[in-house]
Amino acid sequence: SLQRRLGVTTVYVTHDQVEAMTMGDRI
């Protein structure tokens, strides 16, 4: 929610595919 409000390009690393599915615009 914060990232969408700020609109800053974000690259996020995780090993949790559920986290990836729920957070990312793309994976």
PDB file of all heavy atoms in Angstrom:
ATOM      1  N   SER A   1       0.827  -1.211   0.000  1.00  0.00           N
ATOM      2  CA  SER A   1       0.000   0.000   0.000  1.00  0.00           C
ATOM      3  C   SER A   1       0.858   1.257   0.000  1.00  0.00           C
ATOM      4  O   SER A   1       0.596   2.223  -0.735  1.00  0.00           O
ATOM      5  CB  SER A   1      -0.913  -0.029   1.232  1.00  0.00           C
ATOM      6  OG  SER A   1      -1.627   1.170   1.357  1.00  0.00           O
ATOM      7  N   LEU A   2       1.927   1.239   0.803  1.00  0.00           N
ATOM      8  CA  LEU A   2       2.836   2.385   0.895  1.00  0.00           C
ATOM      9  C   LEU A   2       3.523   2.636  -0.447  1.00  0.00           C
ATOM     10  O   LEU A   2       3.632   3.781  -0.899  1.00  0.00           O
ATOM     11  CB  LEU A   2       3.866   2.114   1.987  1.00  0.00           C
ATOM     12  CG  LEU A   2       4.959   3.161   2.191  1.00  0.00           C
ATOM     13  CD1 LEU A   2       4.346   4.466   2.674  1.00  0.00           C
ATOM     14  CD2 LEU A   2       5.993   2.658   3.192  1.00  0.00           C
ATOM     15  N   GLN A   3       3.975   1.581  -1.089  1.00  0.00           N
ATOM     16  CA  GLN A   3       4.666   1.725  -2.376  1.00  0.00           C
ATOM     17  C   GLN A   3       3.749   2.351  -3.421  1.00  0.00           C
ATOM     18  O   GLN A   3       4.158   3.207  -4.201  1.00  0.00           O
ATOM     19  CB  GLN A   3       5.175   0.360  -2.849  1.00  0.00           C
ATOM     20  CG  GLN A   3       6.105   0.423  -4.057  1.00  0.00           C
ATOM     21  CD  GLN A   3       5.383   0.421  -5.389  1.00  0.00           C
ATOM     22  OE1 GLN A   3       4.232  -0.024  -5.476  1.00  0.00           O
ATOM     23  NE2 GLN A   3       6.043   0.910  -6.416  1.00  0.00           N
ATOM     24  N   ARG A   4       2.489   1.918  -3.436  1.00  0.00           N
ATOM     25  CA  ARG A   4       1.549   2.469  -4.409  1.00  0.00           C
ATOM     26  C   ARG A   4       1.251   3.941  -4.130  1.00  0.00           C
ATOM     27  O   ARG A   4       1.059   4.740  -5.036  1.00  0.00           O
ATOM     28  CB  ARG A   4       0.266   1.634  -4.428  1.00  0.00           C
ATOM     29  CG  ARG A   4       0.444   0.346  -5.235  1.00  0.00           C
ATOM     30  CD  ARG A   4      -0.619  -0.703  -4.921  1.00  0.00           C
ATOM     31  NE  ARG A   4      -0.411  -1.943  -5.678  1.00  0.00           N
ATOM     32  CZ  ARG A   4       0.535  -2.841  -5.445  1.00  0.00           C
ATOM     33  NH1 ARG A   4       1.397  -2.615  -4.467  1.00  0.00           N
ATOM     34  NH2 ARG A   4       0.651  -3.930  -6.169  1.00  0.00           N
ATOM     35  N   ARG A   5       1.228   4.291  -2.839  1.00  0.00           N
ATOM     36  CA  ARG A   5       0.972   5.686  -2.476  1.00  0.00           C
ATOM     37  C   ARG A   5       2.153   6.579  -2.860  1.00  0.00           C
ATOM     38  O   ARG A   5       1.982   7.694  -3.362  1.00  0.00           O
ATOM     39  CB  ARG A   5       0.721   5.780  -0.968  1.00  0.00           C
ATOM     40  CG  ARG A   5       0.029   7.080  -0.575  1.00  0.00           C
ATOM     41  CD  ARG A   5      -0.152   7.270   0.912  1.00  0.00           C
ATOM     42  NE  ARG A   5      -0.184   6.052   1.692  1.00  0.00           N
ATOM     43  CZ  ARG A   5       0.003   6.037   3.023  1.00  0.00           C
ATOM     44  NH1 ARG A   5       0.264   7.155   3.662  1.00  0.00           N
ATOM     45  NH2 ARG A   5      -0.052   4.915   3.697  1.00  0.00           N
ATOM     46  N   LEU A   6       3.381   6.088  -2.618  1.00  0.00           N
ATOM     47  CA  LEU A   6       4.571   6.884  -2.928  1.00  0.00           C
ATOM     48  C   LEU A   6       4.925   6.846  -4.413  1.00  0.00           C
ATOM     49  O   LEU A   6       5.550   7.776  -4.927  1.00  0.00           O
ATOM     50  CB  LEU A   6       5.763   6.372  -2.104  1.00  0.00           C
ATOM     51  CG  LEU A   6       5.641   6.484  -0.581  1.00  0.00           C
ATOM     52  CD1 LEU A   6       6.811   5.805   0.092  1.00  0.00           C
ATOM     53  CD2 LEU A   6       5.541   7.936  -0.161  1.00  0.00           C
ATOM     54  N   GLY A   7       4.561   5.737  -5.093  1.00  0.00           N
ATOM     55  CA  GLY A   7       4.832   5.615  -6.528  1.00  0.00           C
ATOM     56  C   GLY A   7       6.296   5.443  -6.876  1.00  0.00           C
ATOM     57  O   GLY A   7       6.719   5.753  -8.000  1.00  0.00           O
ATOM     58  N   VAL A   8       7.109   4.953  -5.916  1.00  0.00           N
ATOM     59  CA  VAL A   8       8.541   4.775  -6.160  1.00  0.00           C
ATOM     60  C   VAL A   8       8.793   3.388  -6.756  1.00  0.00           C
ATOM     61  O   VAL A   8       8.281   2.380  -6.253  1.00  0.00           O
ATOM     62  CB  VAL A   8       9.346   4.928  -4.852  1.00  0.00           C
ATOM     63  CG1 VAL A   8      10.835   4.724  -5.110  1.00  0.00           C
ATOM     64  CG2 VAL A   8       9.097   6.302  -4.243  1.00  0.00           C
ATOM     65  N   THR A   9       9.570   3.336  -7.815  1.00  0.00           N
ATOM     66  CA  THR A   9       9.966   2.064  -8.418  1.00  0.00           C
ATOM     67  C   THR A   9      10.613   1.183  -7.355  1.00  0.00           C
ATOM     68  O   THR A   9      11.514   1.629  -6.638  1.00  0.00           O
ATOM     69  CB  THR A   9      10.967   2.305  -9.566  1.00  0.00           C
ATOM     70  OG1 THR A   9      10.420   3.267 -10.470  1.00  0.00           O
ATOM     71  CG2 THR A   9      11.269   1.007 -10.304  1.00  0.00           C
ATOM     72  N   THR A  10      10.157  -0.060  -7.232  1.00  0.00           N
ATOM     73  CA  THR A  10      10.620  -0.934  -6.150  1.00  0.00           C
ATOM     74  C   THR A  10      10.985  -2.309  -6.688  1.00  0.00           C
ATOM     75  O   THR A  10      10.219  -2.901  -7.458  1.00  0.00           O
ATOM     76  CB  THR A  10       9.531  -1.079  -5.064  1.00  0.00           C
ATOM     77  OG1 THR A  10       9.209   0.211  -4.532  1.00  0.00           O
ATOM     78  CG2 THR A  10       9.991  -2.001  -3.944  1.00  0.00           C
ATOM     79  N   VAL A  11      12.158  -2.790  -6.291  1.00  0.00           N
ATOM     80  CA  VAL A  11      12.569  -4.166  -6.594  1.00  0.00           C
ATOM     81  C   VAL A  11      12.694  -4.886  -5.253  1.00  0.00           C
ATOM     82  O   VAL A  11      13.445  -4.466  -4.377  1.00  0.00           O
ATOM     83  CB  VAL A  11      13.900  -4.218  -7.362  1.00  0.00           C
ATOM     84  CG1 VAL A  11      14.269  -5.667  -7.688  1.00  0.00           C
ATOM     85  CG2 VAL A  11      13.803  -3.403  -8.657  1.00  0.00           C
ATOM     86  N   TYR A  12      11.924  -5.956  -5.116  1.00  0.00           N
ATOM     87  CA  TYR A  12      11.734  -6.629  -3.826  1.00  0.00           C
ATOM     88  C   TYR A  12      12.123  -8.086  -3.965  1.00  0.00           C
ATOM     89  O   TYR A  12      11.684  -8.767  -4.890  1.00  0.00           O
ATOM     90  CB  TYR A  12      10.251  -6.498  -3.449  1.00  0.00           C
ATOM     91  CG  TYR A  12       9.826  -7.030  -2.107  1.00  0.00           C
ATOM     92  CD1 TYR A  12       9.541  -6.169  -1.056  1.00  0.00           C
ATOM     93  CD2 TYR A  12       9.644  -8.398  -1.901  1.00  0.00           C
ATOM     94  CE1 TYR A  12       9.120  -6.653   0.177  1.00  0.00           C
ATOM     95  CE2 TYR A  12       9.223  -8.888  -0.673  1.00  0.00           C
ATOM     96  CZ  TYR A  12       8.951  -8.005   0.359  1.00  0.00           C
ATOM     97  OH  TYR A  12       8.525  -8.491   1.571  1.00  0.00           O
ATOM     98  N   VAL A  13      12.957  -8.583  -3.063  1.00  0.00           N
ATOM     99  CA  VAL A  13      13.409  -9.980  -3.104  1.00  0.00           C
ATOM    100  C   VAL A  13      12.731 -10.791  -2.014  1.00  0.00           C
ATOM    101  O   VAL A  13      12.653 -10.349  -0.860  1.00  0.00           O
ATOM    102  CB  VAL A  13      14.945 -10.056  -2.929  1.00  0.00           C
ATOM    103  CG1 VAL A  13      15.380 -11.473  -2.561  1.00  0.00           C
ATOM    104  CG2 VAL A  13      15.649  -9.622  -4.202  1.00  0.00           C
ATOM    105  N   THR A  14      12.225 -11.963  -2.364  1.00  0.00           N
ATOM    106  CA  THR A  14      11.668 -12.886  -1.381  1.00  0.00           C
ATOM    107  C   THR A  14      11.806 -14.315  -1.894  1.00  0.00           C
ATOM    108  O   THR A  14      11.908 -14.536  -3.095  1.00  0.00           O
ATOM    109  CB  THR A  14      10.181 -12.577  -1.093  1.00  0.00           C
ATOM    110  OG1 THR A  14       9.684 -13.498  -0.121  1.00  0.00           O
ATOM    111  CG2 THR A  14       9.333 -12.700  -2.358  1.00  0.00           C
ATOM    112  N   HIS A  15      11.817 -15.279  -0.951  1.00  0.00           N
ATOM    113  CA  HIS A  15      11.775 -16.691  -1.348  1.00  0.00           C
ATOM    114  C   HIS A  15      10.355 -17.230  -1.218  1.00  0.00           C
ATOM    115  O   HIS A  15      10.075 -18.362  -1.595  1.00  0.00           O
ATOM    116  CB  HIS A  15      12.713 -17.522  -0.454  1.00  0.00           C
ATOM    117  CG  HIS A  15      12.277 -17.532   0.983  1.00  0.00           C
ATOM    118  ND1 HIS A  15      12.617 -16.538   1.864  1.00  0.00           N
ATOM    119  CD2 HIS A  15      11.503 -18.397   1.680  1.00  0.00           C
ATOM    120  CE1 HIS A  15      12.075 -16.795   3.052  1.00  0.00           C
ATOM    121  NE2 HIS A  15      11.395 -17.907   2.966  1.00  0.00           N
ATOM    122  N   ASP A  16       9.443 -16.399  -0.694  1.00  0.00           N
ATOM    123  CA  ASP A  16       8.064 -16.806  -0.411  1.00  0.00           C
ATOM    124  C   ASP A  16       7.178 -16.462  -1.601  1.00  0.00           C
ATOM    125  O   ASP A  16       6.901 -15.289  -1.864  1.00  0.00           O
ATOM    126  CB  ASP A  16       7.589 -16.071   0.849  1.00  0.00           C
ATOM    127  CG  ASP A  16       6.188 -16.491   1.288  1.00  0.00           C
ATOM    128  OD1 ASP A  16       5.446 -17.041   0.460  1.00  0.00           O
ATOM    129  OD2 ASP A  16       5.847 -16.263   2.462  1.00  0.00           O
ATOM    130  N   GLN A  17       6.716 -17.494  -2.329  1.00  0.00           N
ATOM    131  CA  GLN A  17       5.942 -17.217  -3.534  1.00  0.00           C
ATOM    132  C   GLN A  17       4.571 -16.612  -3.215  1.00  0.00           C
ATOM    133  O   GLN A  17       4.012 -15.883  -4.030  1.00  0.00           O
ATOM    134  CB  GLN A  17       5.816 -18.484  -4.393  1.00  0.00           C
ATOM    135  CG  GLN A  17       5.258 -19.712  -3.704  1.00  0.00           C
ATOM    136  CD  GLN A  17       3.775 -19.857  -3.879  1.00  0.00           C
ATOM    137  OE1 GLN A  17       3.174 -19.165  -4.676  1.00  0.00           O
ATOM    138  NE2 GLN A  17       3.190 -20.755  -3.133  1.00  0.00           N
ATOM    139  N   VAL A  18       4.014 -16.875  -2.030  1.00  0.00           N
ATOM    140  CA  VAL A  18       2.740 -16.249  -1.651  1.00  0.00           C
ATOM    141  C   VAL A  18       2.945 -14.741  -1.483  1.00  0.00           C
ATOM    142  O   VAL A  18       2.126 -13.931  -1.920  1.00  0.00           O
ATOM    143  CB  VAL A  18       2.172 -16.880  -0.364  1.00  0.00           C
ATOM    144  CG1 VAL A  18       0.921 -16.139   0.094  1.00  0.00           C
ATOM    145  CG2 VAL A  18       1.864 -18.359  -0.585  1.00  0.00           C
ATOM    146  N   GLU A  19       4.064 -14.362  -0.860  1.00  0.00           N
ATOM    147  CA  GLU A  19       4.427 -12.949  -0.720  1.00  0.00           C
ATOM    148  C   GLU A  19       4.557 -12.304  -2.100  1.00  0.00           C
ATOM    149  O   GLU A  19       4.077 -11.198  -2.333  1.00  0.00           O
ATOM    150  CB  GLU A  19       5.754 -12.870   0.036  1.00  0.00           C
ATOM    151  CG  GLU A  19       5.949 -11.633   0.869  1.00  0.00           C
ATOM    152  CD  GLU A  19       7.164 -11.756   1.777  1.00  0.00           C
ATOM    153  OE1 GLU A  19       7.030 -12.377   2.839  1.00  0.00           O
ATOM    154  OE2 GLU A  19       8.239 -11.256   1.400  1.00  0.00           O
ATOM    155  N   ALA A  20       5.216 -13.007  -3.007  1.00  0.00           N
ATOM    156  CA  ALA A  20       5.409 -12.483  -4.363  1.00  0.00           C
ATOM    157  C   ALA A  20       4.069 -12.284  -5.070  1.00  0.00           C
ATOM    158  O   ALA A  20       3.837 -11.250  -5.704  1.00  0.00           O
ATOM    159  CB  ALA A  20       6.294 -13.444  -5.167  1.00  0.00           C
ATOM    160  N   MET A  21       3.186 -13.264  -4.958  1.00  0.00           N
ATOM    161  CA  MET A  21       1.891 -13.202  -5.642  1.00  0.00           C
ATOM    162  C   MET A  21       1.036 -12.050  -5.120  1.00  0.00           C
ATOM    163  O   MET A  21       0.319 -11.401  -5.882  1.00  0.00           O
ATOM    164  CB  MET A  21       1.137 -14.524  -5.455  1.00  0.00           C
ATOM    165  CG  MET A  21       1.738 -15.723  -6.155  1.00  0.00           C
ATOM    166  SD  MET A  21       1.368 -15.773  -7.918  1.00  0.00           S
ATOM    167  CE  MET A  21      -0.370 -16.171  -7.915  1.00  0.00           C
ATOM    168  N   THR A  22       1.090 -11.810  -3.813  1.00  0.00           N
ATOM    169  CA  THR A  22       0.186 -10.818  -3.217  1.00  0.00           C
ATOM    170  C   THR A  22       0.714  -9.392  -3.310  1.00  0.00           C
ATOM    171  O   THR A  22      -0.068  -8.442  -3.229  1.00  0.00           O
ATOM    172  CB  THR A  22      -0.061 -11.150  -1.734  1.00  0.00           C
ATOM    173  OG1 THR A  22       1.191 -11.284  -1.058  1.00  0.00           O
ATOM    174  CG2 THR A  22      -0.842 -12.435  -1.583  1.00  0.00           C
ATOM    175  N   MET A  23       2.028  -9.202  -3.501  1.00  0.00           N
ATOM    176  CA  MET A  23       2.602  -7.863  -3.451  1.00  0.00           C
ATOM    177  C   MET A  23       2.960  -7.276  -4.809  1.00  0.00           C
ATOM    178  O   MET A  23       2.812  -6.070  -5.022  1.00  0.00           O
ATOM    179  CB  MET A  23       3.858  -7.864  -2.579  1.00  0.00           C
ATOM    180  CG  MET A  23       3.599  -8.192  -1.118  1.00  0.00           C
ATOM    181  SD  MET A  23       5.100  -8.178  -0.123  1.00  0.00           S
ATOM    182  CE  MET A  23       5.420  -6.424   0.033  1.00  0.00           C
ATOM    183  N   GLY A  24       3.444  -8.083  -5.716  1.00  0.00           N
ATOM    184  CA  GLY A  24       4.065  -7.549  -6.920  1.00  0.00           C
ATOM    185  C   GLY A  24       3.112  -7.183  -8.040  1.00  0.00           C
ATOM    186  O   GLY A  24       2.095  -7.844  -8.247  1.00  0.00           O
ATOM    187  N   ASP A  25       3.460  -6.108  -8.788  1.00  0.00           N
ATOM    188  CA  ASP A  25       2.789  -5.842 -10.070  1.00  0.00           C
ATOM    189  C   ASP A  25       3.200  -6.915 -11.065  1.00  0.00           C
ATOM    190  O   ASP A  25       2.397  -7.391 -11.859  1.00  0.00           O
ATOM    191  CB  ASP A  25       3.191  -4.460 -10.613  1.00  0.00           C
ATOM    192  CG  ASP A  25       2.734  -3.329  -9.706  1.00  0.00           C
ATOM    193  OD1 ASP A  25       1.620  -3.427  -9.147  1.00  0.00           O
ATOM    194  OD2 ASP A  25       3.495  -2.361  -9.531  1.00  0.00           O
ATOM    195  N   ARG A  26       4.492  -7.269 -11.011  1.00  0.00           N
ATOM    196  CA  ARG A  26       5.013  -8.396 -11.796  1.00  0.00           C
ATOM    197  C   ARG A  26       5.973  -9.210 -10.935  1.00  0.00           C
ATOM    198  O   ARG A  26       6.533  -8.706  -9.976  1.00  0.00           O
ATOM    199  CB  ARG A  26       5.754  -7.903 -13.050  1.00  0.00           C
ATOM    200  CG  ARG A  26       4.852  -7.493 -14.200  1.00  0.00           C
ATOM    201  CD  ARG A  26       5.649  -7.295 -15.480  1.00  0.00           C
ATOM    202  NE  ARG A  26       6.733  -6.343 -15.286  1.00  0.00           N
ATOM    203  CZ  ARG A  26       7.837  -6.323 -16.023  1.00  0.00           C
ATOM    204  NH1 ARG A  26       8.039  -7.231 -16.977  1.00  0.00           N
ATOM    205  NH2 ARG A  26       8.772  -5.408 -15.807  1.00  0.00           N
ATOM    206  N   ILE A  27       6.145 -10.467 -11.336  1.00  0.00           N
ATOM    207  CA  ILE A  27       7.056 -11.373 -10.647  1.00  0.00           C
ATOM    208  C   ILE A  27       8.116 -11.828 -11.641  1.00  0.00           C
ATOM    209  O   ILE A  27       7.788 -12.168 -12.781  1.00  0.00           O
ATOM    210  CB  ILE A  27       6.307 -12.608 -10.113  1.00  0.00           C
ATOM    211  CG1 ILE A  27       5.200 -12.206  -9.133  1.00  0.00           C
ATOM    212  CG2 ILE A  27       7.278 -13.586  -9.439  1.00  0.00           C
ATOM    213  CD1 ILE A  27       4.294 -13.361  -8.754  1.00  0.00           C
TER     214      ILE A  27
END
